[in-house]
Amino acid sequence: MLKLSLNVDKGSPELITGIEATLSGVAAERSVSGTTPRNSTTGNIRLNFTQDGNTLSAGHRLLGIASGVPQELTLTLHYSEGEPQTETYNLSPLLTTFNRFDVSGSTDMFTLTGKLSLYQSVEEAGISGSIEDWTPGTETDMDANGYADDADKADEHELITH
């Protein structure tokens, strides 16, 4: 499970009215013949971000990260004022260990957390945002019943292929 979490550290999260996100460079299928599983084709996934206060997050179950191709997050932020802003972030260096991620239980997640700063200029119309300080890690979000908070939402996302 890959979880992306963006924490609004500057600006007001209410300025964001919508988010579109696509992660490219993920494994579209996985071959398990032989002794070493390998990813043979690549694809893109659409991530469904939700907002909870100052945190925007999305999760998705992945077969793995495709080797030899970059993993890029294309993120479009829609603001209450101004034009949408689209940025692409190279997450390849942060996801290099995803395929070797040791899952000790089905609720463990590989997480990437970043700081989202929103800027609204008095002189110019519109809003802009930037994500910095991406940090990889692991997380176990268990509730009292032993279920992961986002596990049931993770399978709701669709595969996009080109």
N, C-alpha and C. Protein backbone atom coordinates (compact mmCIF):
# COMPACT_ATOMS: atom_id res chain seq x y z
N MET A 1 0.85 -1.17 0.00
CA MET A 1 0.00 0.00 0.00
C MET A 1 0.90 1.24 0.00
N LEU A 2 0.65 2.15 -0.92
CA LEU A 2 1.35 3.42 -0.96
C LEU A 2 0.39 4.49 -0.48
N LYS A 3 0.84 5.31 0.44
CA LYS A 3 0.02 6.42 0.93
C LYS A 3 0.81 7.70 0.73
N LEU A 4 0.17 8.70 0.10
CA LEU A 4 0.75 10.03 -0.05
C LEU A 4 0.00 10.96 0.88
N SER A 5 0.72 11.76 1.62
CA SER A 5 0.12 12.69 2.57
C SER A 5 0.77 14.05 2.43
N LEU A 6 -0.03 15.07 2.17
CA LEU A 6 0.45 16.44 2.03
C LEU A 6 -0.10 17.26 3.18
N ASN A 7 0.78 17.87 3.93
CA ASN A 7 0.37 18.70 5.07
C ASN A 7 0.53 20.17 4.68
N VAL A 8 -0.58 20.91 4.72
CA VAL A 8 -0.54 22.34 4.39
C VAL A 8 0.14 23.04 5.57
N ASP A 9 1.37 23.51 5.32
CA ASP A 9 2.12 24.16 6.40
C ASP A 9 2.12 25.68 6.26
N LYS A 10 1.74 26.20 5.07
CA LYS A 10 1.63 27.65 4.86
C LYS A 10 0.38 27.89 4.03
N GLY A 11 -0.35 28.90 4.38
CA GLY A 11 -1.57 29.21 3.64
C GLY A 11 -2.76 28.47 4.24
N SER A 12 -3.91 28.68 3.65
CA SER A 12 -5.15 28.11 4.15
C SER A 12 -5.62 26.95 3.27
N PRO A 13 -5.85 25.78 3.85
CA PRO A 13 -6.28 24.63 3.04
C PRO A 13 -7.66 24.86 2.40
N GLU A 14 -8.44 25.81 2.92
CA GLU A 14 -9.75 26.10 2.34
C GLU A 14 -9.64 26.71 0.94
N LEU A 15 -8.44 27.17 0.56
CA LEU A 15 -8.23 27.73 -0.77
C LEU A 15 -8.30 26.64 -1.85
N ILE A 16 -8.08 25.38 -1.47
CA ILE A 16 -8.10 24.27 -2.42
C ILE A 16 -9.53 23.76 -2.56
N THR A 17 -10.02 23.74 -3.80
CA THR A 17 -11.38 23.26 -4.05
C THR A 17 -11.40 21.89 -4.72
N GLY A 18 -10.26 21.43 -5.22
CA GLY A 18 -10.20 20.12 -5.86
C GLY A 18 -8.77 19.72 -6.17
N ILE A 19 -8.56 18.41 -6.32
CA ILE A 19 -7.23 17.86 -6.59
C ILE A 19 -7.37 16.74 -7.62
N GLU A 20 -6.52 16.78 -8.63
CA GLU A 20 -6.41 15.67 -9.58
C GLU A 20 -4.97 15.19 -9.51
N ALA A 21 -4.77 13.88 -9.45
CA ALA A 21 -3.41 13.36 -9.33
C ALA A 21 -3.26 12.05 -10.09
N THR A 22 -2.11 11.92 -10.75
CA THR A 22 -1.76 10.69 -11.46
C THR A 22 -0.32 10.33 -11.11
N LEU A 23 -0.09 9.07 -10.79
CA LEU A 23 1.25 8.56 -10.53
C LEU A 23 1.63 7.65 -11.69
N SER A 24 2.73 7.96 -12.36
CA SER A 24 3.21 7.14 -13.48
C SER A 24 4.40 6.31 -13.04
N GLY A 25 4.69 5.27 -13.81
CA GLY A 25 5.86 4.43 -13.53
C GLY A 25 5.59 3.33 -12.53
N VAL A 26 4.33 2.92 -12.40
CA VAL A 26 4.01 1.82 -11.49
C VAL A 26 3.86 0.53 -12.29
N ALA A 27 4.00 -0.59 -11.63
CA ALA A 27 3.87 -1.88 -12.29
C ALA A 27 2.41 -2.13 -12.64
N ALA A 28 2.17 -2.49 -13.91
CA ALA A 28 0.81 -2.80 -14.36
C ALA A 28 0.53 -4.29 -14.24
N GLU A 29 1.56 -5.10 -14.21
CA GLU A 29 1.41 -6.53 -13.96
C GLU A 29 2.68 -7.03 -13.32
N ARG A 30 2.59 -8.19 -12.69
CA ARG A 30 3.75 -8.73 -11.96
C ARG A 30 3.87 -10.21 -12.29
N SER A 31 5.04 -10.62 -12.74
CA SER A 31 5.32 -12.02 -13.04
C SER A 31 5.93 -12.67 -11.81
N VAL A 32 5.36 -13.79 -11.40
CA VAL A 32 5.89 -14.48 -10.23
C VAL A 32 6.51 -15.83 -10.59
N SER A 33 6.75 -16.06 -11.89
CA SER A 33 7.41 -17.30 -12.29
C SER A 33 8.89 -17.21 -11.93
N GLY A 34 9.48 -18.33 -11.66
CA GLY A 34 10.88 -18.34 -11.25
C GLY A 34 11.02 -18.01 -9.78
N THR A 35 12.21 -17.65 -9.38
CA THR A 35 12.45 -17.39 -7.96
C THR A 35 12.32 -15.93 -7.58
N THR A 36 12.42 -15.01 -8.55
CA THR A 36 12.34 -13.59 -8.24
C THR A 36 11.17 -12.95 -8.97
N PRO A 37 10.18 -12.40 -8.23
CA PRO A 37 9.08 -11.70 -8.89
C PRO A 37 9.61 -10.48 -9.64
N ARG A 38 9.04 -10.19 -10.80
CA ARG A 38 9.49 -9.01 -11.54
C ARG A 38 8.29 -8.31 -12.17
N ASN A 39 8.45 -7.01 -12.34
CA ASN A 39 7.41 -6.20 -12.96
C ASN A 39 7.73 -6.11 -14.45
N SER A 40 6.75 -6.43 -15.30
CA SER A 40 7.06 -6.50 -16.72
C SER A 40 6.48 -5.36 -17.55
N THR A 41 5.41 -4.73 -17.11
CA THR A 41 4.85 -3.60 -17.85
C THR A 41 4.57 -2.46 -16.88
N THR A 42 4.47 -1.26 -17.44
CA THR A 42 4.23 -0.10 -16.59
C THR A 42 2.87 0.51 -16.88
N GLY A 43 2.38 1.25 -15.93
CA GLY A 43 1.10 1.92 -16.08
C GLY A 43 1.05 3.17 -15.23
N ASN A 44 -0.09 3.81 -15.27
CA ASN A 44 -0.36 5.01 -14.47
C ASN A 44 -1.58 4.73 -13.62
N ILE A 45 -1.63 5.36 -12.46
CA ILE A 45 -2.81 5.25 -11.62
C ILE A 45 -3.31 6.65 -11.26
N ARG A 46 -4.59 6.76 -11.15
CA ARG A 46 -5.20 8.00 -10.68
C ARG A 46 -5.37 7.87 -9.18
N LEU A 47 -4.93 8.89 -8.46
CA LEU A 47 -5.04 8.90 -7.00
C LEU A 47 -6.21 9.78 -6.59
N ASN A 48 -6.98 9.33 -5.63
CA ASN A 48 -8.12 10.07 -5.13
C ASN A 48 -7.75 10.70 -3.78
N PHE A 49 -7.42 11.98 -3.81
CA PHE A 49 -7.06 12.68 -2.57
C PHE A 49 -8.31 13.11 -1.81
N THR A 50 -8.23 12.98 -0.51
CA THR A 50 -9.27 13.48 0.38
C THR A 50 -8.63 14.50 1.31
N GLN A 51 -9.44 15.38 1.86
CA GLN A 51 -8.93 16.43 2.73
C GLN A 51 -9.51 16.28 4.12
N ASP A 52 -8.64 16.35 5.12
CA ASP A 52 -9.04 16.31 6.52
C ASP A 52 -8.27 17.41 7.23
N GLY A 53 -8.92 18.56 7.40
CA GLY A 53 -8.24 19.71 8.01
C GLY A 53 -7.11 20.19 7.14
N ASN A 54 -5.89 20.19 7.68
CA ASN A 54 -4.70 20.65 6.95
C ASN A 54 -4.01 19.53 6.17
N THR A 55 -4.58 18.33 6.15
CA THR A 55 -3.93 17.20 5.50
C THR A 55 -4.72 16.71 4.30
N LEU A 56 -4.01 16.55 3.18
CA LEU A 56 -4.56 15.96 1.96
C LEU A 56 -3.89 14.61 1.81
N SER A 57 -4.67 13.54 1.62
CA SER A 57 -4.04 12.22 1.53
C SER A 57 -4.74 11.34 0.51
N ALA A 58 -3.96 10.40 -0.02
CA ALA A 58 -4.45 9.42 -0.98
C ALA A 58 -3.70 8.12 -0.74
N GLY A 59 -4.38 7.01 -0.96
CA GLY A 59 -3.74 5.71 -0.83
C GLY A 59 -4.10 4.82 -1.99
N HIS A 60 -3.21 3.89 -2.32
CA HIS A 60 -3.47 2.96 -3.41
C HIS A 60 -2.62 1.71 -3.23
N ARG A 61 -3.23 0.56 -3.46
CA ARG A 61 -2.47 -0.69 -3.44
C ARG A 61 -1.76 -0.84 -4.79
N LEU A 62 -0.46 -1.05 -4.74
CA LEU A 62 0.33 -1.17 -5.96
C LEU A 62 0.92 -2.58 -6.07
N LEU A 63 1.11 -3.03 -7.31
CA LEU A 63 1.83 -4.28 -7.54
C LEU A 63 3.32 -4.07 -7.33
N GLY A 64 3.77 -2.85 -7.52
CA GLY A 64 5.18 -2.51 -7.36
C GLY A 64 5.51 -1.29 -8.19
N ILE A 65 6.75 -0.91 -8.13
CA ILE A 65 7.27 0.21 -8.90
C ILE A 65 8.03 -0.37 -10.09
N ALA A 66 7.78 0.15 -11.27
CA ALA A 66 8.45 -0.34 -12.48
C ALA A 66 9.90 0.10 -12.47
N SER A 67 10.80 -0.81 -12.78
CA SER A 67 12.21 -0.46 -12.80
C SER A 67 12.57 0.12 -14.16
N GLY A 68 13.52 1.04 -14.16
CA GLY A 68 14.02 1.63 -15.39
C GLY A 68 13.19 2.77 -15.94
N VAL A 69 12.11 3.15 -15.27
CA VAL A 69 11.31 4.29 -15.69
C VAL A 69 11.08 5.20 -14.48
N PRO A 70 10.93 6.49 -14.70
CA PRO A 70 10.71 7.39 -13.57
C PRO A 70 9.31 7.25 -12.98
N GLN A 71 9.21 7.46 -11.70
CA GLN A 71 7.92 7.53 -11.03
C GLN A 71 7.62 9.01 -10.82
N GLU A 72 6.59 9.49 -11.50
CA GLU A 72 6.27 10.91 -11.43
C GLU A 72 4.83 11.11 -10.98
N LEU A 73 4.68 12.03 -10.05
CA LEU A 73 3.36 12.43 -9.58
C LEU A 73 2.99 13.73 -10.28
N THR A 74 1.91 13.69 -11.07
CA THR A 74 1.39 14.90 -11.69
C THR A 74 0.18 15.32 -10.88
N LEU A 75 0.26 16.50 -10.31
CA LEU A 75 -0.74 16.98 -9.38
C LEU A 75 -1.31 18.30 -9.87
N THR A 76 -2.63 18.35 -9.99
CA THR A 76 -3.31 19.59 -10.36
C THR A 76 -4.14 20.04 -9.17
N LEU A 77 -3.83 21.24 -8.68
CA LEU A 77 -4.59 21.83 -7.57
C LEU A 77 -5.56 22.85 -8.15
N HIS A 78 -6.82 22.73 -7.77
CA HIS A 78 -7.84 23.70 -8.17
C HIS A 78 -8.09 24.59 -6.96
N TYR A 79 -8.06 25.89 -7.20
CA TYR A 79 -8.19 26.87 -6.13
C TYR A 79 -9.51 27.62 -6.21
N SER A 80 -9.92 28.15 -5.07
CA SER A 80 -11.16 28.93 -5.01
C SER A 80 -11.05 30.21 -5.83
N GLU A 81 -9.85 30.72 -5.98
CA GLU A 81 -9.60 31.91 -6.81
C GLU A 81 -8.45 31.58 -7.76
N GLY A 82 -8.63 31.89 -9.03
CA GLY A 82 -7.52 31.71 -9.96
C GLY A 82 -7.60 30.42 -10.76
N GLU A 83 -6.59 30.26 -11.59
CA GLU A 83 -6.49 29.12 -12.49
C GLU A 83 -5.95 27.90 -11.75
N PRO A 84 -6.27 26.68 -12.24
CA PRO A 84 -5.66 25.49 -11.66
C PRO A 84 -4.15 25.50 -11.90
N GLN A 85 -3.42 24.86 -11.03
CA GLN A 85 -1.97 24.78 -11.13
C GLN A 85 -1.57 23.31 -11.23
N THR A 86 -0.80 22.96 -12.27
CA THR A 86 -0.32 21.59 -12.45
C THR A 86 1.19 21.55 -12.30
N GLU A 87 1.65 20.65 -11.47
CA GLU A 87 3.09 20.45 -11.25
C GLU A 87 3.37 18.95 -11.33
N THR A 88 4.58 18.61 -11.77
CA THR A 88 5.02 17.22 -11.80
C THR A 88 6.21 17.07 -10.86
N TYR A 89 6.14 16.04 -10.01
CA TYR A 89 7.19 15.78 -9.02
C TYR A 89 7.80 14.42 -9.31
N ASN A 90 9.13 14.37 -9.39
CA ASN A 90 9.83 13.11 -9.59
C ASN A 90 9.98 12.42 -8.24
N LEU A 91 9.26 11.32 -8.05
CA LEU A 91 9.30 10.59 -6.78
C LEU A 91 10.20 9.36 -6.85
N SER A 92 10.89 9.18 -7.99
CA SER A 92 11.74 7.99 -8.19
C SER A 92 12.72 7.75 -7.05
N PRO A 93 13.50 8.76 -6.62
CA PRO A 93 14.46 8.51 -5.54
C PRO A 93 13.79 8.09 -4.23
N LEU A 94 12.56 8.53 -4.02
CA LEU A 94 11.86 8.23 -2.77
C LEU A 94 11.19 6.86 -2.79
N LEU A 95 10.93 6.33 -3.99
CA LEU A 95 10.23 5.06 -4.11
C LEU A 95 11.16 3.89 -4.47
N THR A 96 12.46 4.11 -4.45
CA THR A 96 13.40 3.05 -4.86
C THR A 96 13.28 1.80 -4.00
N THR A 97 12.89 1.92 -2.75
CA THR A 97 12.80 0.76 -1.87
C THR A 97 11.39 0.19 -1.79
N PHE A 98 10.44 0.73 -2.56
CA PHE A 98 9.06 0.24 -2.46
C PHE A 98 8.96 -1.24 -2.80
N ASN A 99 9.64 -1.71 -3.84
CA ASN A 99 9.56 -3.12 -4.22
C ASN A 99 10.18 -4.04 -3.18
N ARG A 100 11.07 -3.51 -2.35
CA ARG A 100 11.71 -4.30 -1.29
C ARG A 100 11.08 -4.01 0.07
N PHE A 101 9.96 -3.32 0.08
CA PHE A 101 9.26 -2.97 1.31
C PHE A 101 8.82 -4.24 2.01
N ASP A 102 9.27 -4.45 3.23
CA ASP A 102 8.95 -5.65 4.00
C ASP A 102 7.64 -5.46 4.74
N VAL A 103 6.60 -6.07 4.22
CA VAL A 103 5.27 -5.94 4.83
C VAL A 103 5.12 -7.01 5.88
N SER A 104 5.08 -6.60 7.14
CA SER A 104 4.91 -7.57 8.22
C SER A 104 3.44 -7.88 8.45
N GLY A 105 2.55 -7.12 7.85
CA GLY A 105 1.12 -7.36 7.95
C GLY A 105 0.42 -6.61 6.85
N SER A 106 -0.79 -6.99 6.54
CA SER A 106 -1.49 -6.40 5.40
C SER A 106 -1.89 -4.95 5.63
N THR A 107 -1.74 -4.43 6.83
CA THR A 107 -2.14 -3.05 7.10
C THR A 107 -0.97 -2.08 7.07
N ASP A 108 0.23 -2.57 6.88
CA ASP A 108 1.38 -1.67 6.83
C ASP A 108 1.40 -0.92 5.51
N MET A 109 1.81 0.35 5.56
CA MET A 109 1.83 1.19 4.38
C MET A 109 3.20 1.83 4.21
N PHE A 110 3.59 1.99 2.95
CA PHE A 110 4.76 2.78 2.60
C PHE A 110 4.21 4.19 2.39
N THR A 111 4.71 5.16 3.13
CA THR A 111 4.17 6.51 3.06
C THR A 111 5.19 7.50 2.51
N LEU A 112 4.67 8.48 1.80
CA LEU A 112 5.45 9.65 1.40
C LEU A 112 4.69 10.86 1.93
N THR A 113 5.38 11.67 2.71
CA THR A 113 4.77 12.86 3.29
C THR A 113 5.51 14.08 2.77
N GLY A 114 4.76 15.11 2.42
CA GLY A 114 5.36 16.36 1.95
C GLY A 114 4.67 17.55 2.57
N LYS A 115 5.36 18.68 2.55
CA LYS A 115 4.79 19.94 3.05
C LYS A 115 4.27 20.74 1.87
N LEU A 116 3.00 21.09 1.90
CA LEU A 116 2.37 21.87 0.84
C LEU A 116 2.23 23.31 1.32
N SER A 117 2.88 24.21 0.61
CA SER A 117 2.81 25.63 0.93
C SER A 117 1.96 26.32 -0.12
N LEU A 118 0.96 27.08 0.33
CA LEU A 118 0.08 27.82 -0.57
C LEU A 118 0.38 29.30 -0.45
N TYR A 119 0.49 29.96 -1.60
CA TYR A 119 0.82 31.38 -1.63
C TYR A 119 -0.28 32.14 -2.36
N GLN A 120 -0.75 33.20 -1.73
CA GLN A 120 -1.74 34.07 -2.35
C GLN A 120 -1.17 35.48 -2.34
N SER A 121 -0.96 36.03 -3.54
CA SER A 121 -0.34 37.33 -3.67
C SER A 121 -1.39 38.44 -3.62
N VAL A 122 -1.05 39.52 -2.94
CA VAL A 122 -1.92 40.68 -2.90
C VAL A 122 -1.84 41.44 -4.22
N GLU A 123 -0.66 41.41 -4.84
CA GLU A 123 -0.45 42.16 -6.08
C GLU A 123 -1.00 41.46 -7.32
N GLU A 124 -1.00 40.14 -7.35
CA GLU A 124 -1.45 39.39 -8.52
C GLU A 124 -2.62 38.49 -8.14
N ALA A 125 -3.53 38.30 -9.08
CA ALA A 125 -4.66 37.41 -8.84
C ALA A 125 -4.19 35.97 -8.84
N GLY A 126 -4.85 35.16 -8.08
CA GLY A 126 -4.55 33.73 -8.09
C GLY A 126 -3.77 33.25 -6.89
N ILE A 127 -3.60 31.94 -6.86
CA ILE A 127 -2.93 31.25 -5.77
C ILE A 127 -1.94 30.28 -6.39
N SER A 128 -0.86 30.02 -5.72
CA SER A 128 0.08 29.00 -6.19
C SER A 128 0.50 28.15 -5.00
N GLY A 129 0.94 26.95 -5.30
CA GLY A 129 1.37 26.04 -4.25
C GLY A 129 2.62 25.31 -4.64
N SER A 130 3.36 24.83 -3.66
CA SER A 130 4.55 24.02 -3.91
C SER A 130 4.68 22.98 -2.80
N ILE A 131 5.21 21.82 -3.20
CA ILE A 131 5.42 20.73 -2.24
C ILE A 131 6.92 20.57 -2.04
N GLU A 132 7.34 20.54 -0.79
CA GLU A 132 8.74 20.39 -0.44
C GLU A 132 8.87 19.35 0.66
N ASP A 133 10.11 18.98 0.93
CA ASP A 133 10.45 18.10 2.04
C ASP A 133 9.70 16.76 2.00
N TRP A 134 9.68 16.12 0.82
CA TRP A 134 9.11 14.78 0.74
C TRP A 134 9.89 13.86 1.66
N THR A 135 9.19 13.06 2.46
CA THR A 135 9.84 12.16 3.41
C THR A 135 9.20 10.77 3.29
N PRO A 136 10.00 9.74 2.96
CA PRO A 136 9.45 8.38 2.94
C PRO A 136 9.42 7.79 4.33
N GLY A 137 8.55 6.83 4.54
CA GLY A 137 8.47 6.15 5.82
C GLY A 137 7.49 5.01 5.77
N THR A 138 7.15 4.48 6.93
CA THR A 138 6.14 3.43 7.02
C THR A 138 5.12 3.86 8.06
N GLU A 139 3.97 3.24 7.98
CA GLU A 139 2.89 3.63 8.87
C GLU A 139 1.95 2.45 9.05
N THR A 140 1.41 2.31 10.24
CA THR A 140 0.36 1.34 10.50
C THR A 140 -0.77 2.09 11.17
N ASP A 141 -1.86 2.29 10.44
CA ASP A 141 -3.03 2.98 10.99
C ASP A 141 -4.08 1.94 11.33
N MET A 142 -4.02 1.42 12.52
CA MET A 142 -4.97 0.39 12.94
C MET A 142 -6.04 1.01 13.82
N ASP A 143 -7.29 0.58 13.61
CA ASP A 143 -8.34 0.99 14.53
C ASP A 143 -8.51 -0.12 15.58
N ALA A 144 -9.46 0.03 16.46
CA ALA A 144 -9.64 -0.93 17.55
C ALA A 144 -10.00 -2.32 17.05
N ASN A 145 -10.56 -2.43 15.85
CA ASN A 145 -10.95 -3.73 15.30
C ASN A 145 -9.85 -4.39 14.49
N GLY A 146 -8.70 -3.73 14.35
CA GLY A 146 -7.59 -4.31 13.62
C GLY A 146 -7.62 -4.04 12.13
N TYR A 147 -8.39 -3.06 11.68
CA TYR A 147 -8.45 -2.71 10.27
C TYR A 147 -7.70 -1.42 10.02
N ALA A 148 -7.09 -1.30 8.86
CA ALA A 148 -6.41 -0.06 8.49
C ALA A 148 -7.46 0.96 8.10
N ASP A 149 -7.24 2.22 8.50
CA ASP A 149 -8.20 3.29 8.24
C ASP A 149 -8.54 3.44 6.77
N ASP A 150 -7.54 3.39 5.87
CA ASP A 150 -7.77 3.64 4.45
C ASP A 150 -7.80 2.38 3.60
N ALA A 151 -7.74 1.19 4.20
CA ALA A 151 -7.63 -0.03 3.41
C ALA A 151 -8.84 -0.24 2.51
N ASP A 152 -10.04 0.06 3.03
CA ASP A 152 -11.23 -0.16 2.21
C ASP A 152 -11.35 0.88 1.10
N LYS A 153 -10.74 2.04 1.24
CA LYS A 153 -10.79 3.08 0.21
C LYS A 153 -9.75 2.85 -0.87
N ALA A 154 -8.71 2.09 -0.57
CA ALA A 154 -7.58 1.97 -1.49
C ALA A 154 -7.94 1.28 -2.80
N ASP A 155 -8.92 0.39 -2.78
CA ASP A 155 -9.25 -0.35 -3.99
C ASP A 155 -10.25 0.36 -4.88
N GLU A 156 -10.66 1.57 -4.52
CA GLU A 156 -11.65 2.30 -5.29
C GLU A 156 -11.06 3.05 -6.47
N HIS A 157 -9.75 3.04 -6.65
CA HIS A 157 -9.10 3.82 -7.67
C HIS A 157 -8.98 3.01 -8.96
N GLU A 158 -9.01 3.71 -10.09
CA GLU A 158 -8.98 3.03 -11.37
C GLU A 158 -7.58 3.08 -11.99
N LEU A 159 -7.28 2.09 -12.82
CA LEU A 159 -6.04 2.02 -13.55
C LEU A 159 -6.19 2.80 -14.85
N ILE A 160 -5.20 3.64 -15.12
CA ILE A 160 -5.19 4.40 -16.36
C ILE A 160 -4.05 3.89 -17.20
N THR A 161 -4.31 3.55 -18.44
CA THR A 161 -3.24 3.11 -19.32
C THR A 161 -3.23 3.96 -20.56
N HIS A 162 -2.06 4.12 -21.15
CA HIS A 162 -1.92 4.91 -22.38
C HIS A 162 -1.50 4.01 -23.50
